[in-house]
């Protein structure tokens, strides 16, 4: 019963949180956590790159389109647009540090596949071979970005302005999003006003799961699980009240009965706790270690609290048994 009632609550809550974590990973990977400040020729690359110093800014970088194009030898009639980005922008694209350290361009996976080239290889063009430093994932899944079919090159921060500032912010932080406006250079002449948008808005403006639970396992579940465990422990003892009152009648002390009942309680609480932890390991299995272990640690703490509550319920149950009520217990037996 401990496993079914208490374990069911805690493992279900852990499973929901694991599902939320997986959903959050998809949210970030799809670019929904990436905000873009756009104003042609008004983005300061250094200010944009420094956004990574703010809380919850995972990656940041500036982008501008160049007049140059790459003309692949295999598709000479379909030139590829070339964009320049500030150092560090690779992280926004999900390229691991060091993978793009060699000279060359970054290509989206779809374009690289169409051109038959991979990371570390040379792309044959009409002018000269161009090395491919890395390949990144940037599918057309709702992203408002031309980088899904373009070449990207890292440019030095030499004072030339950029057109866009991208920042991946996770967990969500409105203050960090608002800070993108600080990357704008003073306006010169007339022009379009700056705009702020999500890279991918198909998942919604905010991540909904963050509003369902602030903790790893909701505290309300912890309280309810502990209450259920306490009631369970007390009920198990009170169902044996006739036998306990009879033992009391022949001289067994209350303290001896309490020690016996607590020892018996441990025999079903401890195995149940082990099953709960093992079930939690199972439902959190697909998660990375960094996301998995905090959930498991919380469930261990919650299970320990429920076990303590069950022992407390047993103690209350033993205290409620009265020797003078032996006759009444006998009449109420089933």
Protein backbone atom coordinates (compact mmCIF):
# COMPACT_ATOMS: atom_id res chain seq x y z
CA UNK A 1 0.00 0.00 0.00
CA UNK A 2 2.88 2.38 0.75
CA UNK A 3 4.25 1.84 -2.75
CA UNK A 4 0.86 2.20 -4.42
CA UNK A 5 -0.36 5.27 -2.55
CA UNK A 6 2.77 7.22 -1.63
CA UNK A 7 4.96 5.93 -4.44
CA UNK A 8 2.22 6.52 -6.99
CA UNK A 9 2.04 10.20 -6.05
CA UNK A 10 5.79 10.83 -5.93
CA UNK A 11 6.70 8.86 -9.04
CA UNK A 12 3.85 10.44 -11.03
CA UNK A 13 5.07 13.90 -10.01
CA UNK A 14 8.65 13.00 -10.93
CA UNK A 15 7.46 11.63 -14.28
CA UNK A 16 5.61 14.85 -15.00
CA UNK A 17 8.68 16.87 -14.16
CA UNK A 18 10.81 14.67 -16.40
CA UNK A 19 8.32 15.26 -19.22
CA UNK A 20 8.55 19.00 -18.56
CA UNK A 21 12.34 18.83 -18.78
CA UNK A 22 12.16 17.02 -22.12
CA UNK A 23 9.65 19.59 -23.35
CA UNK A 24 11.97 22.38 -22.20
CA UNK A 25 14.85 20.81 -24.12
CA UNK A 26 12.72 20.79 -27.28
CA UNK A 27 11.67 24.40 -26.59
CA UNK A 28 15.28 25.59 -26.41
CA UNK A 29 16.54 23.40 -29.26
CA UNK A 30 13.83 24.74 -31.59
CA UNK A 31 14.96 28.31 -30.98
CA UNK A 32 11.91 29.33 -28.97
CA UNK A 33 14.17 30.61 -26.18
CA UNK A 34 16.18 32.74 -28.60
CA UNK A 35 15.23 36.41 -28.93
CA UNK A 36 16.32 38.64 -31.82
CA UNK A 37 16.74 42.42 -31.76
CA UNK A 38 16.78 43.65 -35.37
CA UNK A 39 17.76 47.06 -36.71
CA UNK A 40 19.77 47.17 -39.93
CA UNK A 41 23.19 48.69 -39.38
CA UNK A 42 22.49 49.62 -35.75
CA UNK A 43 23.64 46.63 -33.68
CA UNK A 44 26.85 46.97 -31.70
CA UNK A 45 28.62 43.62 -31.92
CA UNK A 46 30.60 44.05 -28.71
CA UNK A 47 27.53 44.96 -26.67
CA UNK A 48 25.67 42.01 -28.12
CA UNK A 49 28.48 39.57 -27.32
CA UNK A 50 28.65 40.88 -23.75
CA UNK A 51 25.05 39.84 -23.14
CA UNK A 52 26.38 36.43 -22.08
CA UNK A 53 27.49 38.10 -18.85
CA UNK A 54 23.84 38.60 -17.86
CA UNK A 55 21.91 36.02 -15.79
CA UNK A 56 20.41 33.14 -17.78
CA UNK A 57 21.89 34.24 -21.12
CA UNK A 58 23.24 30.97 -22.52
CA UNK A 59 24.64 32.37 -25.75
CA UNK A 60 24.59 35.64 -27.70
CA UNK A 61 25.97 37.03 -30.92
CA UNK A 62 25.39 39.49 -33.73
CA UNK A 63 24.56 38.81 -37.40
CA UNK A 64 24.80 40.76 -40.64
CA UNK A 65 24.31 39.80 -44.26
CA UNK A 66 27.12 40.49 -46.71
CA UNK A 67 26.96 41.30 -50.40
CA UNK A 68 29.17 38.33 -51.14
CA UNK A 69 27.79 34.91 -52.03
CA UNK A 70 29.26 31.45 -52.27
CA UNK A 71 28.84 29.79 -55.66
CA UNK A 72 29.11 26.02 -55.13
CA UNK A 73 30.66 24.15 -58.03
CA UNK A 74 27.85 21.58 -57.94
CA UNK A 75 25.10 24.22 -58.11
CA UNK A 76 26.58 27.26 -59.89
CA UNK A 77 23.14 28.71 -60.65
CA UNK A 78 22.10 28.64 -56.99
CA UNK A 79 24.49 30.86 -55.06
CA UNK A 80 24.43 30.60 -51.26
CA UNK A 81 23.99 33.81 -49.21
CA UNK A 82 26.88 34.58 -46.89
CA UNK A 83 26.33 36.00 -43.39
CA UNK A 84 28.92 37.28 -40.95
CA UNK A 85 28.52 36.73 -37.21
CA UNK A 86 30.38 37.90 -34.15
CA UNK A 87 32.64 35.48 -32.23
CA UNK A 88 30.56 33.33 -29.90
CA UNK A 89 27.54 33.22 -32.19
CA UNK A 90 28.35 29.56 -32.84
CA UNK A 91 26.90 28.74 -29.43
CA UNK A 92 23.56 30.24 -30.49
CA UNK A 93 23.57 27.79 -33.40
CA UNK A 94 24.37 24.91 -31.07
CA UNK A 95 27.90 24.36 -32.33
CA UNK A 96 30.05 22.99 -29.51
CA UNK A 97 33.02 25.12 -28.42
CA UNK A 98 36.13 24.19 -30.36
CA UNK A 99 34.31 22.56 -33.27
CA UNK A 100 34.29 25.81 -35.22
CA UNK A 101 37.74 26.93 -34.14
CA UNK A 102 39.33 26.20 -37.52
CA UNK A 103 38.98 28.74 -40.35
CA UNK A 104 36.03 28.34 -42.63
CA UNK A 105 32.29 28.68 -42.80
CA UNK A 106 29.46 27.09 -40.87
CA UNK A 107 26.71 25.40 -42.89
CA UNK A 108 23.22 24.26 -41.89
CA UNK A 109 22.83 20.50 -42.02
CA UNK A 110 20.29 20.56 -44.84
CA UNK A 111 22.48 22.70 -47.07
CA UNK A 112 25.60 20.69 -46.26
CA UNK A 113 23.78 17.50 -47.22
CA UNK A 114 22.57 18.98 -50.48
CA UNK A 115 26.13 20.06 -51.34
CA UNK A 116 27.61 16.76 -50.23
CA UNK A 117 30.05 18.28 -47.76
CA UNK A 118 30.66 17.81 -44.04
CA UNK A 119 32.54 19.43 -41.19
CA UNK A 120 36.30 19.49 -41.76
CA UNK A 121 35.92 19.16 -45.54
CA UNK A 122 36.34 21.72 -48.30
CA UNK A 123 33.42 23.09 -50.29
CA UNK A 124 34.33 23.45 -53.95
CA UNK A 125 33.23 26.86 -55.25
CA UNK A 126 33.65 28.79 -58.49
CA UNK A 127 36.52 30.76 -56.97
CA UNK A 128 38.41 28.49 -54.60
CA UNK A 129 37.75 25.69 -52.09
CA UNK A 130 36.18 26.97 -48.88
CA UNK A 131 36.77 24.93 -45.71
CA UNK A 132 33.69 23.96 -43.70
CA UNK A 133 34.44 24.51 -40.01
CA UNK A 134 31.22 23.00 -38.65
CA UNK A 135 27.69 21.93 -39.51
CA UNK A 136 24.74 23.13 -37.42
CA UNK A 137 21.07 22.17 -37.12
CA UNK A 138 18.72 24.92 -38.27
CA UNK A 139 15.64 23.31 -39.83
CA UNK A 140 12.73 25.24 -41.31
CA UNK A 141 10.40 24.42 -38.43
CA UNK A 142 8.96 27.87 -37.86
CA UNK A 143 12.21 29.77 -37.39
CA UNK A 144 12.09 33.26 -38.85
CA UNK A 145 15.67 33.16 -40.05
CA UNK A 146 17.45 32.87 -43.40
CA UNK A 147 20.26 30.88 -41.77
CA UNK A 148 18.54 27.60 -42.61
CA UNK A 149 19.97 27.92 -46.13
CA UNK A 150 23.05 30.12 -45.90
CA UNK A 151 26.75 30.07 -45.13
CA UNK A 152 27.93 31.67 -41.90
CA UNK A 153 31.39 33.07 -41.29
CA UNK A 154 32.81 34.42 -38.04
CA UNK A 155 34.00 38.02 -38.37
CA UNK A 156 36.18 40.01 -35.97
CA UNK A 157 34.67 42.79 -33.88
CA UNK A 158 36.24 45.69 -35.77
CA UNK A 159 33.61 48.32 -35.05
CA UNK A 160 31.40 47.66 -38.07
CA UNK A 161 27.74 47.42 -37.06
CA UNK A 162 25.56 44.36 -37.42
CA UNK A 163 21.89 43.98 -38.32
CA UNK A 164 20.66 41.62 -35.61
CA UNK A 165 21.54 40.56 -32.08
CA UNK A 166 20.55 37.04 -31.07
CA UNK A 167 20.44 35.83 -27.48
CA UNK A 168 19.41 32.43 -26.16
CA UNK A 169 17.98 33.00 -22.69
CA UNK A 170 17.16 30.06 -20.43
CA UNK A 171 15.50 29.89 -17.99
CA UNK A 172 13.23 32.67 -19.17
CA UNK A 173 14.26 36.09 -17.92
CA UNK A 174 12.36 39.21 -19.01
CA UNK A 175 15.12 41.52 -17.79
CA UNK A 176 17.71 39.78 -19.96
CA UNK A 177 15.38 39.94 -22.97
CA UNK A 178 14.87 43.66 -22.41
CA UNK A 179 18.64 44.11 -22.34
CA UNK A 180 18.82 43.37 -26.07
CA UNK A 181 17.69 46.93 -26.74
CA UNK A 182 20.92 48.15 -25.12
CA UNK A 183 22.86 46.76 -28.10
CA UNK A 184 21.42 49.45 -30.43
CA UNK A 185 23.71 52.16 -31.74
CA UNK A 186 22.44 55.77 -31.98
CA UNK A 187 20.01 56.27 -34.81
CA UNK A 188 21.27 58.22 -37.82
CA UNK A 189 18.65 59.60 -40.20
CA UNK A 190 15.35 57.94 -40.96
CA UNK A 191 14.89 54.21 -40.88
CA UNK A 192 12.72 51.38 -39.71
CA UNK A 193 12.26 51.18 -35.93
CA UNK A 194 13.98 48.25 -34.20
CA UNK A 195 12.00 45.07 -33.68
CA UNK A 196 12.20 42.31 -31.08
CA UNK A 197 10.97 38.83 -31.90
CA UNK A 198 11.40 35.15 -31.13
CA UNK A 199 13.48 33.03 -33.45
CA UNK A 200 10.69 30.43 -33.36
CA UNK A 201 7.25 31.33 -32.06
CA UNK A 202 5.49 28.06 -32.89
CA UNK A 203 5.96 26.82 -29.30
CA UNK A 204 4.38 29.92 -27.78
CA UNK A 205 5.83 33.09 -26.33
CA UNK A 206 6.70 31.44 -23.01
CA UNK A 207 7.37 27.92 -21.80
CA UNK A 208 4.12 26.80 -20.19
CA UNK A 209 5.56 24.04 -17.98
CA UNK A 210 7.49 26.60 -15.90
CA UNK A 211 4.14 27.95 -14.70
CA UNK A 212 2.94 24.54 -13.47
CA UNK A 213 5.66 23.84 -10.93
CA UNK A 214 8.34 26.00 -9.40
CA UNK A 215 10.12 23.10 -7.69
CA UNK A 216 11.32 19.76 -8.95
CA UNK A 217 8.42 17.98 -7.28
CA UNK A 218 5.51 20.26 -6.30
CA UNK A 219 5.40 20.86 -2.53
CA UNK A 220 1.66 20.12 -2.50
CA UNK A 221 2.45 16.59 -3.66
CA UNK A 222 5.00 16.21 -0.88
CA UNK A 223 2.50 17.32 1.76
CA UNK A 224 -0.25 15.08 0.40
CA UNK A 225 2.09 12.08 0.14
CA UNK A 226 3.23 12.58 3.73
CA UNK A 227 -0.38 12.89 4.90
CA UNK A 228 -1.33 9.70 3.06
CA UNK A 229 1.63 7.89 4.63
CA UNK A 230 0.66 9.05 8.12
CA UNK A 231 -2.95 7.94 7.67
CA UNK A 232 -1.75 4.61 6.25
CA UNK A 233 0.53 3.96 9.21
CA UNK A 234 -2.16 4.84 11.73
CA UNK A 235 -4.81 2.77 9.94
CA UNK A 236 -2.63 -0.35 9.81
CA UNK A 237 -2.14 -0.17 13.59
CA UNK A 238 -5.79 0.55 14.40
CA UNK A 239 -6.90 -2.46 12.37
CA UNK A 240 -5.03 -4.54 14.99
CA UNK A 241 -6.41 -2.67 17.97
CA UNK A 242 -8.13 -5.77 19.41
CA UNK A 243 -4.88 -7.75 19.47
CA UNK A 244 -2.96 -4.81 20.88
CA UNK A 245 -5.52 -4.19 23.61
CA UNK A 246 -5.48 -7.90 24.48
CA UNK A 247 -1.69 -7.87 24.78
CA UNK A 248 -1.93 -4.77 26.94
CA UNK A 249 -4.43 -6.60 29.15
CA UNK A 250 -1.94 -9.42 29.83
CA UNK A 251 0.86 -7.04 30.76
CA UNK A 252 2.59 -5.91 27.55
CA UNK A 253 3.66 -2.30 28.01
CA UNK A 254 2.79 0.48 25.60
CA UNK A 255 6.47 1.20 24.92
CA UNK A 256 7.12 -2.45 24.04
CA UNK A 257 4.17 -2.44 21.67
CA UNK A 258 5.35 0.78 20.09
CA UNK A 259 8.82 -0.64 19.49
CA UNK A 260 7.32 -3.77 17.94
CA UNK A 261 4.94 -1.85 15.68
CA UNK A 262 7.67 0.52 14.53
CA UNK A 263 9.93 -2.42 13.71
CA UNK A 264 7.12 -4.04 11.73
CA UNK A 265 6.45 -0.75 10.00
CA UNK A 266 10.06 -0.55 8.85
CA UNK A 267 9.65 -3.96 7.16
CA UNK A 268 7.10 -2.53 4.71
CA UNK A 269 8.24 1.10 4.59
CA UNK A 270 11.89 0.40 3.67
CA UNK A 271 11.20 -1.96 0.74
CA UNK A 272 8.52 0.43 -0.46
CA UNK A 273 10.97 3.33 -0.38
CA UNK A 274 13.48 1.33 -2.41
CA UNK A 275 10.82 0.53 -5.02
CA UNK A 276 9.86 4.23 -5.24
CA UNK A 277 13.45 5.29 -5.87
CA UNK A 278 13.96 2.55 -8.46
CA UNK A 279 10.74 3.59 -10.23
CA UNK A 280 11.98 7.19 -10.27
CA UNK A 281 15.26 6.05 -11.82
CA UNK A 282 13.22 4.37 -14.53
CA UNK A 283 10.96 7.32 -15.40
CA UNK A 284 13.89 9.77 -15.45
CA UNK A 285 16.14 7.46 -17.46
CA UNK A 286 15.97 9.42 -20.76
CA UNK A 287 17.20 12.63 -19.11
CA UNK A 288 20.79 13.78 -18.92
CA UNK A 289 22.58 13.35 -15.60
CA UNK A 290 22.39 17.06 -14.85
CA UNK A 291 18.60 17.05 -15.18
CA UNK A 292 18.00 13.57 -13.78
CA UNK A 293 19.78 13.58 -10.43
CA UNK A 294 18.09 16.67 -8.96
CA UNK A 295 14.71 15.00 -9.54
CA UNK A 296 15.91 11.74 -7.99
CA UNK A 297 17.40 13.58 -5.01
CA UNK A 298 14.10 15.39 -4.43
CA UNK A 299 12.13 12.14 -4.58
CA UNK A 300 14.52 10.55 -2.06
CA UNK A 301 13.91 13.46 0.31
CA UNK A 302 10.14 13.31 -0.24
CA UNK A 303 10.14 9.54 0.29
CA UNK A 304 12.10 9.93 3.52
CA UNK A 305 9.56 12.52 4.69
CA UNK A 306 6.71 10.16 3.84
CA UNK A 307 8.46 7.30 5.67
CA UNK A 308 8.85 9.48 8.76
CA UNK A 309 5.19 10.43 8.50
CA UNK A 310 4.21 6.76 8.29
CA UNK A 311 6.21 5.99 11.45
CA UNK A 312 4.54 8.96 13.09
CA UNK A 313 1.16 7.55 12.10
CA UNK A 314 2.11 4.22 13.65
CA UNK A 315 3.06 6.00 16.87
CA UNK A 316 -0.27 7.83 16.93
CA UNK A 317 -2.12 4.59 16.25
CA UNK A 318 -0.44 2.78 19.16
CA UNK A 319 -1.18 5.74 21.44
CA UNK A 320 -4.87 5.61 20.49
CA UNK A 321 -5.31 1.97 21.55
CA UNK A 322 -6.80 1.72 25.07
CA UNK A 323 -6.85 -1.39 27.25
CA UNK A 324 -10.16 -0.31 28.80
CA UNK A 325 -11.74 -0.40 25.35
CA UNK A 326 -10.99 -4.11 24.90
CA UNK A 327 -14.65 -5.13 25.18
CA UNK A 328 -15.73 -2.52 22.65
CA UNK A 329 -13.00 -3.61 20.25
CA UNK A 330 -14.21 -7.18 20.64
CA UNK A 331 -17.80 -6.22 19.78
CA UNK A 332 -16.62 -4.17 16.77
CA UNK A 333 -14.46 -6.95 15.33
CA UNK A 334 -15.25 -8.22 11.87
